[in-house]
PDB file of N, CA and C in Angstrom:
ATOM      1  N   MET A   1      -9.686   8.590  17.176  1.00  0.00           N
ATOM      2  CA  MET A   1      -8.387   9.223  17.274  1.00  0.00           C
ATOM      3  C   MET A   1      -8.229  10.213  16.126  1.00  0.00           C
ATOM      4  N   HIS A   2      -7.848  11.423  16.445  1.00  0.00           N
ATOM      5  CA  HIS A   2      -7.706  12.485  15.461  1.00  0.00           C
ATOM      6  C   HIS A   2      -6.248  12.537  14.980  1.00  0.00           C
ATOM      7  N   ILE A   3      -6.033  12.418  13.655  1.00  0.00           N
ATOM      8  CA  ILE A   3      -4.659  12.398  13.130  1.00  0.00           C
ATOM      9  C   ILE A   3      -4.429  13.419  12.023  1.00  0.00           C
ATOM     10  N   GLU A   4      -5.333  14.354  11.873  1.00  0.00           N
ATOM     11  CA  GLU A   4      -5.243  15.302  10.762  1.00  0.00           C
ATOM     12  C   GLU A   4      -3.920  16.047  10.703  1.00  0.00           C
ATOM     13  N   ASP A   5      -3.356  16.425  11.825  1.00  0.00           N
ATOM     14  CA  ASP A   5      -2.120  17.201  11.842  1.00  0.00           C
ATOM     15  C   ASP A   5      -0.870  16.353  12.100  1.00  0.00           C
ATOM     16  N   VAL A   6      -1.024  15.035  12.093  1.00  0.00           N
ATOM     17  CA  VAL A   6       0.106  14.145  12.328  1.00  0.00           C
ATOM     18  C   VAL A   6       0.875  13.981  11.020  1.00  0.00           C
ATOM     19  N   PRO A   7       2.199  14.121  11.039  1.00  0.00           N
ATOM     20  CA  PRO A   7       2.978  13.952   9.805  1.00  0.00           C
ATOM     21  C   PRO A   7       2.861  12.524   9.266  1.00  0.00           C
ATOM     22  N   TRP A   8       2.884  12.414   7.934  1.00  0.00           N
ATOM     23  CA  TRP A   8       2.772  11.101   7.305  1.00  0.00           C
ATOM     24  C   TRP A   8       3.845  10.137   7.787  1.00  0.00           C
ATOM     25  N   ALA A   9       5.037  10.644   8.061  1.00  0.00           N
ATOM     26  CA  ALA A   9       6.129   9.787   8.519  1.00  0.00           C
ATOM     27  C   ALA A   9       5.802   9.096   9.847  1.00  0.00           C
ATOM     28  N   ALA A  10       4.883   9.663  10.625  1.00  0.00           N
ATOM     29  CA  ALA A  10       4.472   9.046  11.886  1.00  0.00           C
ATOM     30  C   ALA A  10       3.360   8.013  11.680  1.00  0.00           C
ATOM     31  N   LEU A  11       2.822   7.946  10.471  1.00  0.00           N
ATOM     32  CA  LEU A  11       1.702   7.048  10.180  1.00  0.00           C
ATOM     33  C   LEU A  11       2.055   5.911   9.219  1.00  0.00           C
ATOM     34  N   ILE A  12       3.064   6.145   8.401  1.00  0.00           N
ATOM     35  CA  ILE A  12       3.446   5.200   7.348  1.00  0.00           C
ATOM     36  C   ILE A  12       4.812   4.619   7.680  1.00  0.00           C
ATOM     37  N   GLN A  13       4.982   3.317   7.479  1.00  0.00           N
ATOM     38  CA  GLN A  13       6.272   2.666   7.734  1.00  0.00           C
ATOM     39  C   GLN A  13       7.366   3.292   6.871  1.00  0.00           C
ATOM     40  N   PRO A  14       8.596   3.344   7.371  1.00  0.00           N
ATOM     41  CA  PRO A  14       9.699   3.975   6.630  1.00  0.00           C
ATOM     42  C   PRO A  14       9.905   3.424   5.217  1.00  0.00           C
ATOM     43  N   SER A  15       9.668   2.140   5.018  1.00  0.00           N
ATOM     44  CA  SER A  15       9.853   1.567   3.684  1.00  0.00           C
ATOM     45  C   SER A  15       8.886   2.157   2.664  1.00  0.00           C
ATOM     46  N   PHE A  16       7.768   2.680   3.107  1.00  0.00           N
ATOM     47  CA  PHE A  16       6.814   3.341   2.228  1.00  0.00           C
ATOM     48  C   PHE A  16       6.946   4.862   2.294  1.00  0.00           C
ATOM     49  N   ALA A  17       7.267   5.389   3.452  1.00  0.00           N
ATOM     50  CA  ALA A  17       7.345   6.843   3.629  1.00  0.00           C
ATOM     51  C   ALA A  17       8.506   7.440   2.845  1.00  0.00           C
ATOM     52  N   GLY A  18       9.612   6.729   2.760  1.00  0.00           N
ATOM     53  CA  GLY A  18      10.750   7.214   1.991  1.00  0.00           C
ATOM     54  C   GLY A  18      11.235   8.572   2.453  1.00  0.00           C
ATOM     55  N   LEU A  19      11.392   9.477   1.510  1.00  0.00           N
ATOM     56  CA  LEU A  19      11.975  10.789   1.792  1.00  0.00           C
ATOM     57  C   LEU A  19      11.114  11.678   2.684  1.00  0.00           C
ATOM     58  N   ILE A  20       9.798  11.435   2.760  1.00  0.00           N
ATOM     59  CA  ILE A  20       8.991  12.286   3.641  1.00  0.00           C
ATOM     60  C   ILE A  20       9.316  12.023   5.108  1.00  0.00           C
ATOM     61  N   ALA A  21      10.012  10.926   5.385  1.00  0.00           N
ATOM     62  CA  ALA A  21      10.399  10.617   6.756  1.00  0.00           C
ATOM     63  C   ALA A  21      11.715  11.275   7.156  1.00  0.00           C
ATOM     64  N   THR A  22      12.365  11.952   6.228  1.00  0.00           N
ATOM     65  CA  THR A  22      13.646  12.579   6.546  1.00  0.00           C
ATOM     66  C   THR A  22      13.445  13.954   7.171  1.00  0.00           C
ATOM     67  N   GLU A  23      14.309  14.278   8.122  1.00  0.00           N
ATOM     68  CA  GLU A  23      14.242  15.591   8.762  1.00  0.00           C
ATOM     69  C   GLU A  23      14.671  16.694   7.810  1.00  0.00           C
ATOM     70  N   GLU A  24      15.632  16.371   6.934  1.00  0.00           N
ATOM     71  CA  GLU A  24      16.216  17.396   6.074  1.00  0.00           C
ATOM     72  C   GLU A  24      15.220  17.989   5.077  1.00  0.00           C
ATOM     73  N   ILE A  25      14.419  17.153   4.415  1.00  0.00           N
ATOM     74  CA  ILE A  25      13.541  17.675   3.360  1.00  0.00           C
ATOM     75  C   ILE A  25      12.101  17.168   3.440  1.00  0.00           C
ATOM     76  N   GLY A  26      11.816  16.314   4.403  1.00  0.00           N
ATOM     77  CA  GLY A  26      10.497  15.684   4.471  1.00  0.00           C
ATOM     78  C   GLY A  26       9.322  16.633   4.401  1.00  0.00           C
ATOM     79  N   ALA A  27       9.403  17.728   5.119  1.00  0.00           N
ATOM     80  CA  ALA A  27       8.285  18.684   5.163  1.00  0.00           C
ATOM     81  C   ALA A  27       8.152  19.487   3.878  1.00  0.00           C
ATOM     82  N   GLU A  28       9.176  19.499   3.050  1.00  0.00           N
ATOM     83  CA  GLU A  28       9.169  20.289   1.815  1.00  0.00           C
ATOM     84  C   GLU A  28       8.757  19.494   0.584  1.00  0.00           C
ATOM     85  N   ILE A  29       8.602  18.194   0.721  1.00  0.00           N
ATOM     86  CA  ILE A  29       8.275  17.368  -0.441  1.00  0.00           C
ATOM     87  C   ILE A  29       6.845  17.625  -0.877  1.00  0.00           C
ATOM     88  N   HIS A  30       6.678  17.897  -2.156  1.00  0.00           N
ATOM     89  CA  HIS A  30       5.367  18.182  -2.726  1.00  0.00           C
ATOM     90  C   HIS A  30       4.637  16.901  -3.110  1.00  0.00           C
ATOM     91  N   SER A  31       5.332  15.976  -3.764  1.00  0.00           N
ATOM     92  CA  SER A  31       4.684  14.726  -4.156  1.00  0.00           C
ATOM     93  C   SER A  31       5.722  13.617  -4.287  1.00  0.00           C
ATOM     94  N   ILE A  32       5.242  12.398  -4.144  1.00  0.00           N
ATOM     95  CA  ILE A  32       6.043  11.193  -4.356  1.00  0.00           C
ATOM     96  C   ILE A  32       5.180  10.236  -5.157  1.00  0.00           C
ATOM     97  N   ASP A  33       5.782   9.613  -6.148  1.00  0.00           N
ATOM     98  CA  ASP A  33       5.074   8.629  -6.960  1.00  0.00           C
ATOM     99  C   ASP A  33       6.005   7.443  -7.156  1.00  0.00           C
ATOM    100  N   ALA A  34       5.849   6.419  -6.331  1.00  0.00           N
ATOM    101  CA  ALA A  34       6.724   5.253  -6.377  1.00  0.00           C
ATOM    102  C   ALA A  34       5.973   4.050  -6.924  1.00  0.00           C
ATOM    103  N   ARG A  35       6.711   3.181  -7.587  1.00  0.00           N
ATOM    104  CA  ARG A  35       6.115   1.995  -8.211  1.00  0.00           C
ATOM    105  C   ARG A  35       7.108   0.855  -8.104  1.00  0.00           C
ATOM    106  N   THR A  36       6.646  -0.292  -7.584  1.00  0.00           N
ATOM    107  CA  THR A  36       7.489  -1.461  -7.398  1.00  0.00           C
ATOM    108  C   THR A  36       6.721  -2.703  -7.830  1.00  0.00           C
ATOM    109  N   ILE A  37       7.393  -3.593  -8.528  1.00  0.00           N
ATOM    110  CA  ILE A  37       6.817  -4.905  -8.845  1.00  0.00           C
ATOM    111  C   ILE A  37       7.666  -5.946  -8.126  1.00  0.00           C
ATOM    112  N   THR A  38       7.006  -6.800  -7.372  1.00  0.00           N
ATOM    113  CA  THR A  38       7.721  -7.859  -6.668  1.00  0.00           C
ATOM    114  C   THR A  38       7.048  -9.206  -6.896  1.00  0.00           C
ATOM    115  N   ARG A  39       7.867 -10.227  -6.942  1.00  0.00           N
ATOM    116  CA  ARG A  39       7.374 -11.598  -7.117  1.00  0.00           C
ATOM    117  C   ARG A  39       6.784 -12.081  -5.799  1.00  0.00           C
ATOM    118  N   LEU A  40       5.714 -12.853  -5.883  1.00  0.00           N
ATOM    119  CA  LEU A  40       5.081 -13.434  -4.699  1.00  0.00           C
ATOM    120  C   LEU A  40       5.489 -14.900  -4.583  1.00  0.00           C
ATOM    121  N   ALA A  41       5.620 -15.375  -3.374  1.00  0.00           N
ATOM    122  CA  ALA A  41       6.035 -16.763  -3.141  1.00  0.00           C
ATOM    123  C   ALA A  41       4.864 -17.746  -3.200  1.00  0.00           C
ATOM    124  N   ILE A  42       3.638 -17.257  -3.286  1.00  0.00           N
ATOM    125  CA  ILE A  42       2.470 -18.143  -3.174  1.00  0.00           C
ATOM    126  C   ILE A  42       2.213 -18.993  -4.404  1.00  0.00           C
ATOM    127  N   GLU A  43       2.444 -18.466  -5.564  1.00  0.00           N
ATOM    128  CA  GLU A  43       2.200 -19.166  -6.823  1.00  0.00           C
ATOM    129  C   GLU A  43       3.361 -18.877  -7.756  1.00  0.00           C
ATOM    130  N   PRO A  44       3.702 -19.836  -8.597  1.00  0.00           N
ATOM    131  CA  PRO A  44       4.740 -19.520  -9.581  1.00  0.00           C
ATOM    132  C   PRO A  44       4.242 -18.412 -10.517  1.00  0.00           C
ATOM    133  N   GLU A  45       5.114 -17.523 -10.834  1.00  0.00           N
ATOM    134  CA  GLU A  45       4.804 -16.426 -11.766  1.00  0.00           C
ATOM    135  C   GLU A  45       3.677 -15.515 -11.280  1.00  0.00           C
ATOM    136  N   SER A  46       3.601 -15.287  -9.959  1.00  0.00           N
ATOM    137  CA  SER A  46       2.634 -14.346  -9.388  1.00  0.00           C
ATOM    138  C   SER A  46       3.380 -13.128  -8.861  1.00  0.00           C
ATOM    139  N   PHE A  47       2.766 -11.955  -9.048  1.00  0.00           N
ATOM    140  CA  PHE A  47       3.426 -10.700  -8.735  1.00  0.00           C
ATOM    141  C   PHE A  47       2.438  -9.725  -8.107  1.00  0.00           C
ATOM    142  N   VAL A  48       2.995  -8.670  -7.501  1.00  0.00           N
ATOM    143  CA  VAL A  48       2.186  -7.540  -7.057  1.00  0.00           C
ATOM    144  C   VAL A  48       2.880  -6.263  -7.517  1.00  0.00           C
ATOM    145  N   LEU A  49       2.089  -5.384  -8.111  1.00  0.00           N
ATOM    146  CA  LEU A  49       2.532  -4.041  -8.462  1.00  0.00           C
ATOM    147  C   LEU A  49       2.055  -3.135  -7.335  1.00  0.00           C
ATOM    148  N   ILE A  50       2.994  -2.524  -6.633  1.00  0.00           N
ATOM    149  CA  ILE A  50       2.673  -1.626  -5.522  1.00  0.00           C
ATOM    150  C   ILE A  50       2.966  -0.200  -5.972  1.00  0.00           C
ATOM    151  N   ARG A  51       1.948   0.644  -5.895  1.00  0.00           N
ATOM    152  CA  ARG A  51       2.113   2.076  -6.158  1.00  0.00           C
ATOM    153  C   ARG A  51       1.804   2.805  -4.857  1.00  0.00           C
ATOM    154  N   HIS A  52       2.691   3.699  -4.498  1.00  0.00           N
ATOM    155  CA  HIS A  52       2.439   4.471  -3.283  1.00  0.00           C
ATOM    156  C   HIS A  52       3.071   5.838  -3.426  1.00  0.00           C
ATOM    157  N   GLY A  53       2.498   6.785  -2.694  1.00  0.00           N
ATOM    158  CA  GLY A  53       3.074   8.112  -2.753  1.00  0.00           C
ATOM    159  C   GLY A  53       2.235   9.178  -2.097  1.00  0.00           C
ATOM    160  N   LEU A  54       2.793  10.344  -2.103  1.00  0.00           N
ATOM    161  CA  LEU A  54       2.209  11.528  -1.501  1.00  0.00           C
ATOM    162  C   LEU A  54       1.649  12.418  -2.604  1.00  0.00           C
ATOM    163  N   PHE A  55       0.475  13.002  -2.379  1.00  0.00           N
ATOM    164  CA  PHE A  55      -0.137  13.841  -3.408  1.00  0.00           C
ATOM    165  C   PHE A  55      -1.031  14.885  -2.764  1.00  0.00           C
ATOM    166  N   ASP A  56      -1.361  15.903  -3.530  1.00  0.00           N
ATOM    167  CA  ASP A  56      -2.355  16.885  -3.110  1.00  0.00           C
ATOM    168  C   ASP A  56      -3.714  16.395  -3.578  1.00  0.00           C
ATOM    169  N   ALA A  57      -4.644  16.252  -2.653  1.00  0.00           N
ATOM    170  CA  ALA A  57      -5.990  15.814  -2.998  1.00  0.00           C
ATOM    171  C   ALA A  57      -6.697  16.956  -3.723  1.00  0.00           C
ATOM    172  N   ALA A  58      -7.026  16.755  -4.971  1.00  0.00           N
ATOM    173  CA  ALA A  58      -7.579  17.802  -5.847  1.00  0.00           C
ATOM    174  C   ALA A  58      -8.758  18.530  -5.216  1.00  0.00           C
ATOM    175  N   GLY A  59      -8.609  19.847  -5.177  1.00  0.00           N
ATOM    176  CA  GLY A  59      -9.704  20.698  -4.731  1.00  0.00           C
ATOM    177  C   GLY A  59      -9.972  20.715  -3.241  1.00  0.00           C
ATOM    178  N   THR A  60      -9.207  19.969  -2.450  1.00  0.00           N
ATOM    179  CA  THR A  60      -9.493  19.915  -1.016  1.00  0.00           C
ATOM    180  C   THR A  60      -8.495  20.692  -0.175  1.00  0.00           C
ATOM    181  N   GLY A  61      -7.317  20.936  -0.722  1.00  0.00           N
ATOM    182  CA  GLY A  61      -6.271  21.585   0.055  1.00  0.00           C
ATOM    183  C   GLY A  61      -5.587  20.645   1.023  1.00  0.00           C
ATOM    184  N   HIS A  62      -5.924  19.360   0.970  1.00  0.00           N
ATOM    185  CA  HIS A  62      -5.335  18.358   1.855  1.00  0.00           C
ATOM    186  C   HIS A  62      -4.312  17.514   1.110  1.00  0.00           C
ATOM    187  N   ARG A  63      -3.367  16.997   1.869  1.00  0.00           N
ATOM    188  CA  ARG A  63      -2.371  16.081   1.320  1.00  0.00           C
ATOM    189  C   ARG A  63      -2.820  14.664   1.624  1.00  0.00           C
ATOM    190  N   GLY A  64      -2.564  13.784   0.711  1.00  0.00           N
ATOM    191  CA  GLY A  64      -2.941  12.393   0.896  1.00  0.00           C
ATOM    192  C   GLY A  64      -1.776  11.471   0.625  1.00  0.00           C
ATOM    193  N   PHE A  65      -1.879  10.264   1.131  1.00  0.00           N
ATOM    194  CA  PHE A  65      -0.888   9.229   0.855  1.00  0.00           C
ATOM    195  C   PHE A  65      -1.644   8.027   0.329  1.00  0.00           C
ATOM    196  N   VAL A  66      -1.246   7.536  -0.824  1.00  0.00           N
ATOM    197  CA  VAL A  66      -1.936   6.416  -1.446  1.00  0.00           C
ATOM    198  C   VAL A  66      -1.060   5.173  -1.377  1.00  0.00           C
ATOM    199  N   ILE A  67      -1.708   4.044  -1.093  1.00  0.00           N
ATOM    200  CA  ILE A  67      -1.067   2.739  -1.173  1.00  0.00           C
ATOM    201  C   ILE A  67      -2.002   1.880  -2.014  1.00  0.00           C
ATOM    202  N   ASP A  68      -1.540   1.517  -3.201  1.00  0.00           N
ATOM    203  CA  ASP A  68      -2.362   0.755  -4.137  1.00  0.00           C
ATOM    204  C   ASP A  68      -1.591  -0.500  -4.529  1.00  0.00           C
ATOM    205  N   SER A  69      -2.282  -1.626  -4.588  1.00  0.00           N
ATOM    206  CA  SER A  69      -1.608  -2.863  -4.979  1.00  0.00           C
ATOM    207  C   SER A  69      -2.463  -3.611  -6.002  1.00  0.00           C
ATOM    208  N   ASP A  70      -1.807  -4.041  -7.064  1.00  0.00           N
ATOM    209  CA  ASP A  70      -2.454  -4.835  -8.115  1.00  0.00           C
ATOM    210  C   ASP A  70      -1.761  -6.185  -8.176  1.00  0.00           C
ATOM    211  N   PHE A  71      -2.507  -7.236  -7.891  1.00  0.00           N
ATOM    212  CA  PHE A  71      -1.968  -8.591  -7.870  1.00  0.00           C
ATOM    213  C   PHE A  71      -2.293  -9.290  -9.182  1.00  0.00           C
ATOM    214  N   TYR A  72      -1.345 -10.078  -9.667  1.00  0.00           N
ATOM    215  CA  TYR A  72      -1.599 -10.817 -10.903  1.00  0.00           C
ATOM    216  C   TYR A  72      -0.692 -12.034 -10.992  1.00  0.00           C
ATOM    217  N   THR A  73      -1.093 -12.959 -11.847  1.00  0.00           N
ATOM    218  CA  THR A  73      -0.283 -14.139 -12.114  1.00  0.00           C
ATOM    219  C   THR A  73      -0.147 -14.313 -13.613  1.00  0.00           C
ATOM    220  N   GLN A  74       0.982 -14.829 -14.005  1.00  0.00           N
ATOM    221  CA  GLN A  74       1.203 -15.160 -15.410  1.00  0.00           C
ATOM    222  C   GLN A  74       1.090 -16.664 -15.625  1.00  0.00           C
ATOM    223  N   ALA A  75       0.784 -17.386 -14.548  1.00  0.00           N
ATOM    224  CA  ALA A  75       0.624 -18.841 -14.637  1.00  0.00           C
ATOM    225  C   ALA A  75      -0.697 -19.184 -15.308  1.00  0.00           C
ATOM    226  N   GLN A  76      -0.700 -20.282 -15.995  1.00  0.00           N
ATOM    227  CA  GLN A  76      -1.934 -20.747 -16.638  1.00  0.00           C
ATOM    228  C   GLN A  76      -2.843 -21.344 -15.564  1.00  0.00           C
ATOM    229  N   VAL A  77      -4.134 -21.009 -15.632  1.00  0.00           N
ATOM    230  CA  VAL A  77      -5.098 -21.555 -14.686  1.00  0.00           C
ATOM    231  C   VAL A  77      -6.001 -22.543 -15.410  1.00  0.00           C
ATOM    232  N   ARG A  78      -6.609 -23.432 -14.651  1.00  0.00           N
ATOM    233  CA  ARG A  78      -7.481 -24.458 -15.241  1.00  0.00           C
ATOM    234  C   ARG A  78      -8.677 -23.810 -15.928  1.00  0.00           C
ATOM    235  N   SER A  79      -9.142 -24.428 -16.968  1.00  0.00           N
ATOM    236  CA  SER A  79     -10.245 -23.862 -17.751  1.00  0.00           C
ATOM    237  C   SER A  79     -11.560 -23.804 -16.975  1.00  0.00           C
ATOM    238  N   ASP A  80     -11.719 -24.634 -15.934  1.00  0.00           N
ATOM    239  CA  ASP A  80     -12.963 -24.597 -15.158  1.00  0.00           C
ATOM    240  C   ASP A  80     -12.950 -23.479 -14.101  1.00  0.00           C
ATOM    241  N   GLY A  81     -11.845 -22.774 -13.955  1.00  0.00           N
ATOM    242  CA  GLY A  81     -11.771 -21.638 -13.053  1.00  0.00           C
ATOM    243  C   GLY A  81     -11.462 -21.973 -11.607  1.00  0.00           C
ATOM    244  N   GLU A  82     -11.381 -23.259 -11.276  1.00  0.00           N
ATOM    245  CA  GLU A  82     -11.121 -23.653  -9.886  1.00  0.00           C
ATOM    246  C   GLU A  82      -9.856 -22.995  -9.342  1.00  0.00           C
ATOM    247  N   ASP A  83      -8.790 -22.993 -10.124  1.00  0.00           N
ATOM    248  CA  ASP A  83      -7.528 -22.391  -9.687  1.00  0.00           C
ATOM    249  C   ASP A  83      -7.701 -20.891  -9.424  1.00  0.00           C
ATOM    250  N   ALA A  84      -8.463 -20.255 -10.268  1.00  0.00           N
ATOM    251  CA  ALA A  84      -8.611 -18.803 -10.173  1.00  0.00           C
ATOM    252  C   ALA A  84      -9.160 -18.384  -8.819  1.00  0.00           C
ATOM    253  N   PHE A  85     -10.160 -19.094  -8.310  1.00  0.00           N
ATOM    254  CA  PHE A  85     -10.762 -18.710  -7.034  1.00  0.00           C
ATOM    255  C   PHE A  85      -9.778 -18.849  -5.881  1.00  0.00           C
ATOM    256  N   SER A  86      -8.986 -19.907  -5.869  1.00  0.00           N
ATOM    257  CA  SER A  86      -8.019 -20.061  -4.779  1.00  0.00           C
ATOM    258  C   SER A  86      -6.916 -19.015  -4.884  1.00  0.00           C
ATOM    259  N   ILE A  87      -6.496 -18.693  -6.089  1.00  0.00           N
ATOM    260  CA  ILE A  87      -5.481 -17.655  -6.282  1.00  0.00           C
ATOM    261  C   ILE A  87      -6.036 -16.300  -5.850  1.00  0.00           C
ATOM    262  N   LEU A  88      -7.263 -15.992  -6.242  1.00  0.00           N
ATOM    263  CA  LEU A  88      -7.873 -14.716  -5.854  1.00  0.00           C
ATOM    264  C   LEU A  88      -8.046 -14.606  -4.337  1.00  0.00           C
ATOM    265  N   ASP A  89      -8.424 -15.706  -3.694  1.00  0.00           N
ATOM    266  CA  ASP A  89      -8.535 -15.699  -2.228  1.00  0.00           C
ATOM    267  C   ASP A  89      -7.189 -15.385  -1.581  1.00  0.00           C
ATOM    268  N   GLU A  90      -6.124 -15.973  -2.117  1.00  0.00           N
ATOM    269  CA  GLU A  90      -4.792 -15.723  -1.576  1.00  0.00           C
ATOM    270  C   GLU A  90      -4.370 -14.278  -1.819  1.00  0.00           C
ATOM    271  N   PHE A  91      -4.646 -13.760  -3.013  1.00  0.00           N
ATOM    272  CA  PHE A  91      -4.337 -12.353  -3.304  1.00  0.00           C
ATOM    273  C   PHE A  91      -5.076 -11.425  -2.340  1.00  0.00           C
ATOM    274  N   HIS A  92      -6.327 -11.748  -2.061  1.00  0.00           N
ATOM    275  CA  HIS A  92      -7.125 -10.925  -1.135  1.00  0.00           C
ATOM    276  C   HIS A  92      -6.494 -10.918   0.258  1.00  0.00           C
ATOM    277  N   ARG A  93      -6.083 -12.080   0.731  1.00  0.00           N
ATOM    278  CA  ARG A  93      -5.462 -12.180   2.048  1.00  0.00           C
ATOM    279  C   ARG A  93      -4.158 -11.378   2.090  1.00  0.00           C
ATOM    280  N   ILE A  94      -3.341 -11.544   1.071  1.00  0.00           N
ATOM    281  CA  ILE A  94      -2.048 -10.875   1.036  1.00  0.00           C
ATOM    282  C   ILE A  94      -2.213  -9.359   0.917  1.00  0.00           C
ATOM    283  N   SER A  95      -3.233  -8.903   0.205  1.00  0.00           N
ATOM    284  CA  SER A  95      -3.420  -7.457   0.059  1.00  0.00           C
ATOM    285  C   SER A  95      -3.688  -6.803   1.409  1.00  0.00           C
ATOM    286  N   GLY A  96      -4.461  -7.466   2.255  1.00  0.00           N
ATOM    287  CA  GLY A  96      -4.692  -6.943   3.606  1.00  0.00           C
ATOM    288  C   GLY A  96      -3.414  -6.933   4.421  1.00  0.00           C
ATOM    289  N   ASP A  97      -2.635  -8.011   4.313  1.00  0.00           N
ATOM    290  CA  ASP A  97      -1.350  -8.070   5.023  1.00  0.00           C
ATOM    291  C   ASP A  97      -0.425  -6.948   4.558  1.00  0.00           C
ATOM    292  N   LEU A  98      -0.403  -6.706   3.262  1.00  0.00           N
ATOM    293  CA  LEU A  98       0.454  -5.660   2.699  1.00  0.00           C
ATOM    294  C   LEU A  98       0.080  -4.289   3.266  1.00  0.00           C
ATOM    295  N   PHE A  99      -1.207  -3.988   3.292  1.00  0.00           N
ATOM    296  CA  PHE A  99      -1.650  -2.697   3.810  1.00  0.00           C
ATOM    297  C   PHE A  99      -1.293  -2.555   5.289  1.00  0.00           C
ATOM    298  N   ARG A 100      -1.565  -3.601   6.071  1.00  0.00           N
ATOM    299  CA  ARG A 100      -1.248  -3.542   7.500  1.00  0.00           C
ATOM    300  C   ARG A 100       0.255  -3.410   7.725  1.00  0.00           C
ATOM    301  N   TRP A 101       1.072  -3.989   6.860  1.00  0.00           N
ATOM    302  CA  TRP A 101       2.523  -3.892   6.955  1.00  0.00           C
ATOM    303  C   TRP A 101       2.990  -2.474   6.622  1.00  0.00           C
ATOM    304  N   ALA A 102       2.278  -1.782   5.739  1.00  0.00           N
ATOM    305  CA  ALA A 102       2.693  -0.462   5.255  1.00  0.00           C
ATOM    306  C   ALA A 102       2.397   0.666   6.231  1.00  0.00           C
ATOM    307  N   ILE A 103       1.480   0.460   7.159  1.00  0.00           N
ATOM    308  CA  ILE A 103       1.089   1.545   8.059  1.00  0.00           C
ATOM    309  C   ILE A 103       1.542   1.255   9.491  1.00  0.00           C
ATOM    310  N   LYS A 104       1.704   2.330  10.241  1.00  0.00           N
ATOM    311  CA  LYS A 104       2.128   2.209  11.632  1.00  0.00           C
ATOM    312  C   LYS A 104       0.912   2.037  12.545  1.00  0.00           C
ATOM    313  N   PRO A 105       1.142   1.538  13.764  1.00  0.00           N
ATOM    314  CA  PRO A 105       0.027   1.302  14.699  1.00  0.00           C
ATOM    315  C   PRO A 105      -0.872   2.511  14.934  1.00  0.00           C
ATOM    316  N   ARG A 106      -0.317   3.696  14.911  1.00  0.00           N
ATOM    317  CA  ARG A 106      -1.133   4.898  15.147  1.00  0.00           C
ATOM    318  C   ARG A 106      -2.196   5.059  14.067  1.00  0.00           C
ATOM    319  N   LEU A 107      -1.859   4.800  12.813  1.00  0.00           N
ATOM    320  CA  LEU A 107      -2.833   4.879  11.725  1.00  0.00           C
ATOM    321  C   LEU A 107      -3.799   3.704  11.782  1.00  0.00           C
ATOM    322  N   THR A 108      -3.301   2.538  12.138  1.00  0.00           N
ATOM    323  CA  THR A 108      -4.178   1.368  12.306  1.00  0.00           C
ATOM    324  C   THR A 108      -5.267   1.679  13.330  1.00  0.00           C
ATOM    325  N   ALA A 109      -4.871   2.272  14.445  1.00  0.00           N
ATOM    326  CA  ALA A 109      -5.844   2.617  15.492  1.00  0.00           C
ATOM    327  C   ALA A 109      -6.837   3.659  15.003  1.00  0.00           C
ATOM    328  N   ALA A 110      -6.359   4.636  14.241  1.00  0.00           N
ATOM    329  CA  ALA A 110      -7.248   5.682  13.732  1.00  0.00           C
ATOM    330  C   ALA A 110      -8.250   5.132  12.738  1.00  0.00           C
ATOM    331  N   LEU A 111      -7.839   4.132  11.952  1.00  0.00           N
ATOM    332  CA  LEU A 111      -8.744   3.545  10.958  1.00  0.00           C
ATOM    333  C   LEU A 111      -9.768   2.622  11.593  1.00  0.00           C
ATOM    334  N   GLY A 112      -9.484   2.098  12.769  1.00  0.00           N
ATOM    335  CA  GLY A 112     -10.410   1.203  13.446  1.00  0.00           C
ATOM    336  C   GLY A 112     -10.218  -0.231  13.046  1.00  0.00           C
ATOM    337  N   ASP A 113     -11.076  -1.084  13.525  1.00  0.00           N
ATOM    338  CA  ASP A 113     -10.953  -2.525  13.319  1.00  0.00           C
ATOM    339  C   ASP A 113     -11.245  -2.970  11.908  1.00  0.00           C
ATOM    340  N   GLY A 114     -11.888  -2.141  11.106  1.00  0.00           N
ATOM    341  CA  GLY A 114     -12.258  -2.533   9.755  1.00  0.00           C
ATOM    342  C   GLY A 114     -11.090  -2.637   8.795  1.00  0.00           C
ATOM    343  N   HIS A 115      -9.878  -2.188   9.199  1.00  0.00           N
ATOM    344  CA  HIS A 115      -8.736  -2.217   8.302  1.00  0.00           C
ATOM    345  C   HIS A 115      -7.652  -2.986   8.961  1.00  0.00           C
TER     346      HIS A 115
END
């Protein structure tokens, strides 16, 4: 599926697209740089830092949209590392869910089954 000329607002969920989804100024926006930290329900004191936005891809003349997530916990883990592996597995699962939640079906289809 070819999506090169599809507006970002048609590919990204409104909660991430923000102002680029508006009719009034969406097409005129040059860049967006948003940052959110939210608590996760999976572990006490676990969080995700979500950065997303619109940018010009350097040297390509193309516009891009980035969705980046950094997961972390402030909880103490066992010294043998057992806790760390289960927490990391959960973070990995949630990161995929987050990405799938952020994009619309049209972009999911364009990316294929690997995402």
